[in-house]
C-alpha atoms as a PDB file:
ATOM      1  CA  MET A   1      -0.012  -0.002   0.015  1.00  0.00           C
ATOM      2  CA  ASN A   2       1.285   3.452  -0.875  1.00  0.00           C
ATOM      3  CA  LYS A   3       0.393   6.910   0.427  1.00  0.00           C
ATOM      4  CA  SER A   4      -2.413   7.505  -2.086  1.00  0.00           C
ATOM      5  CA  GLU A   5      -3.891   4.056  -1.424  1.00  0.00           C
ATOM      6  CA  LEU A   6      -3.781   4.777   2.331  1.00  0.00           C
ATOM      7  CA  ALA A   7      -5.577   8.120   1.712  1.00  0.00           C
ATOM      8  CA  LYS A   8      -8.196   6.314  -0.201  1.00  0.00           C
ATOM      9  CA  ALA A   9      -8.690   3.731   2.620  1.00  0.00           C
ATOM     10  CA  ILE A  10      -8.969   6.549   5.170  1.00  0.00           C
ATOM     11  CA  SER A  11     -11.574   8.218   2.942  1.00  0.00           C
ATOM     12  CA  ALA A  12     -13.557   5.046   2.757  1.00  0.00           C
ATOM     13  CA  LYS A  13     -13.649   4.656   6.601  1.00  0.00           C
ATOM     14  CA  THR A  14     -14.443   8.280   7.327  1.00  0.00           C
ATOM     15  CA  ASN A  15     -16.772  11.001   5.957  1.00  0.00           C
ATOM     16  CA  LEU A  16     -13.702  12.724   4.305  1.00  0.00           C
ATOM     17  CA  THR A  17     -13.138  13.154   0.659  1.00  0.00           C
ATOM     18  CA  GLN A  18     -10.014  11.443  -0.714  1.00  0.00           C
ATOM     19  CA  LYS A  19      -8.432  14.930  -1.045  1.00  0.00           C
ATOM     20  CA  GLN A  20      -9.319  15.738   2.587  1.00  0.00           C
ATOM     21  CA  ALA A  21      -7.949  12.296   3.786  1.00  0.00           C
ATOM     22  CA  GLY A  22      -4.756  12.898   1.852  1.00  0.00           C
ATOM     23  CA  ALA A  23      -4.345  16.390   3.508  1.00  0.00           C
ATOM     24  CA  ALA A  24      -5.024  14.829   6.888  1.00  0.00           C
ATOM     25  CA  LEU A  25      -2.447  12.192   6.315  1.00  0.00           C
ATOM     26  CA  ASP A  26       0.107  14.748   5.157  1.00  0.00           C
ATOM     27  CA  ALA A  27      -0.502  16.739   8.308  1.00  0.00           C
ATOM     28  CA  ILE A  28      -0.123  13.561  10.578  1.00  0.00           C
ATOM     29  CA  ILE A  29       3.084  12.619   8.879  1.00  0.00           C
ATOM     30  CA  ALA A  30       4.505  16.265   9.194  1.00  0.00           C
ATOM     31  CA  SER A  31       3.536  16.293  12.865  1.00  0.00           C
ATOM     32  CA  ILE A  32       5.273  12.981  13.562  1.00  0.00           C
ATOM     33  CA  GLU A  33       8.417  14.120  11.721  1.00  0.00           C
ATOM     34  CA  GLU A  34       8.520  17.470  13.571  1.00  0.00           C
ATOM     35  CA  THR A  35       8.109  15.800  16.881  1.00  0.00           C
ATOM     36  CA  VAL A  36      10.749  13.139  16.351  1.00  0.00           C
ATOM     37  CA  ALA A  37      13.171  15.662  14.832  1.00  0.00           C
ATOM     38  CA  SER A  38      12.842  17.892  17.879  1.00  0.00           C
ATOM     39  CA  GLY A  39      13.953  14.968  20.092  1.00  0.00           C
ATOM     40  CA  ASP A  40      10.549  14.176  21.580  1.00  0.00           C
ATOM     41  CA  LYS A  41       8.734  10.855  21.714  1.00  0.00           C
ATOM     42  CA  LEU A  42       5.293  10.430  20.162  1.00  0.00           C
ATOM     43  CA  ALA A  43       3.306   7.609  21.793  1.00  0.00           C
ATOM     44  CA  LEU A  44       0.039   6.342  20.254  1.00  0.00           C
ATOM     45  CA  ILE A  45      -1.223   3.933  22.915  1.00  0.00           C
ATOM     46  CA  GLY A  46      -1.882   0.496  21.440  1.00  0.00           C
ATOM     47  CA  PHE A  47      -0.211   1.414  18.137  1.00  0.00           C
ATOM     48  CA  GLY A  48       3.337   2.317  18.966  1.00  0.00           C
ATOM     49  CA  THR A  49       5.982   4.873  19.782  1.00  0.00           C
ATOM     50  CA  PHE A  50       7.941   7.061  17.379  1.00  0.00           C
ATOM     51  CA  GLU A  51      11.311   8.332  18.773  1.00  0.00           C
ATOM     52  CA  ALA A  52      14.809   9.508  17.803  1.00  0.00           C
ATOM     53  CA  ARG A  53      17.635   7.074  18.739  1.00  0.00           C
ATOM     54  CA  LYS A  54      21.270   8.093  19.033  1.00  0.00           C
ATOM     55  CA  ILE A  55      23.775   5.696  17.421  1.00  0.00           C
ATOM     56  CA  ALA A  56      27.226   5.987  18.925  1.00  0.00           C
ATOM     57  CA  ALA A  57      30.358   6.581  16.719  1.00  0.00           C
ATOM     58  CA  LYS A  58      32.210   3.416  15.803  1.00  0.00           C
ATOM     59  CA  LYS A  59      34.933   2.045  13.736  1.00  0.00           C
ATOM     60  CA  ALA A  60      34.157   0.095  10.508  1.00  0.00           C
ATOM     61  CA  ARG A  61      36.154  -1.467   7.747  1.00  0.00           C
ATOM     62  CA  ASN A  62      36.094  -0.505   4.061  1.00  0.00           C
ATOM     63  CA  PRO A  63      35.451  -3.918   2.376  1.00  0.00           C
ATOM     64  CA  ARG A  64      37.257  -2.809  -0.785  1.00  0.00           C
ATOM     65  CA  THR A  65      40.528  -1.675   0.777  1.00  0.00           C
ATOM     66  CA  GLY A  66      40.359  -3.234   4.251  1.00  0.00           C
ATOM     67  CA  GLU A  67      41.102   0.267   5.631  1.00  0.00           C
ATOM     68  CA  THR A  68      39.535   1.000   9.065  1.00  0.00           C
ATOM     69  CA  ILE A  69      37.390   4.179   9.017  1.00  0.00           C
ATOM     70  CA  LYS A  70      35.492   6.145  11.630  1.00  0.00           C
ATOM     71  CA  VAL A  71      31.811   6.269  11.333  1.00  0.00           C
ATOM     72  CA  PRO A  72      30.394   9.408  13.135  1.00  0.00           C
ATOM     73  CA  ALA A  73      27.680   9.337  15.696  1.00  0.00           C
ATOM     74  CA  LYS A  74      24.233   9.931  14.353  1.00  0.00           C
ATOM     75  CA  THR A  75      20.543  10.108  15.218  1.00  0.00           C
ATOM     76  CA  VAL A  76      18.044   7.924  13.431  1.00  0.00           C
ATOM     77  CA  PRO A  77      14.146   7.716  13.583  1.00  0.00           C
ATOM     78  CA  ALA A  78      12.780   4.623  15.216  1.00  0.00           C
ATOM     79  CA  PHE A  79       9.386   3.021  15.767  1.00  0.00           C
ATOM     80  CA  LYS A  80       8.502   0.466  18.481  1.00  0.00           C
ATOM     81  CA  PRO A  81       5.097  -1.169  17.917  1.00  0.00           C
ATOM     82  CA  GLY A  82       2.546  -1.404  20.743  1.00  0.00           C
ATOM     83  CA  LYS A  83       1.131  -4.549  22.181  1.00  0.00           C
ATOM     84  CA  SER A  84      -2.228  -4.468  20.370  1.00  0.00           C
ATOM     85  CA  PHE A  85      -0.520  -3.730  17.000  1.00  0.00           C
ATOM     86  CA  LYS A  86       1.914  -6.647  17.505  1.00  0.00           C
ATOM     87  CA  GLU A  87      -1.086  -8.916  18.409  1.00  0.00           C
ATOM     88  CA  LYS A  88      -2.961  -7.928  15.280  1.00  0.00           C
ATOM     89  CA  VAL A  89       0.058  -8.613  13.083  1.00  0.00           C
ATOM     90  CA  ASN A  90       0.695 -12.034  14.689  1.00  0.00           C
ATOM     91  CA  LYS A  91      -2.878 -13.260  14.217  1.00  0.00           C
END
């Protein structure tokens, strides 16, 4: 399923037009991105938690040359599914 198909599914389950559902979906995605980018967690009870996780700097090896390189620390987005979401997927 892609974004437009998701907007169509939202439209079918609500009293929104497909255009309105698409705009609502865009607003939700933007809000999640802004919240996680600012370093805050966003918890949707039963569905899951979106957060930013810090990855420590490390050493890695270039497979072509065998040279050891430093990989800088970074922050990545992460999602941890909630209990009821896991249960629905495992049915």
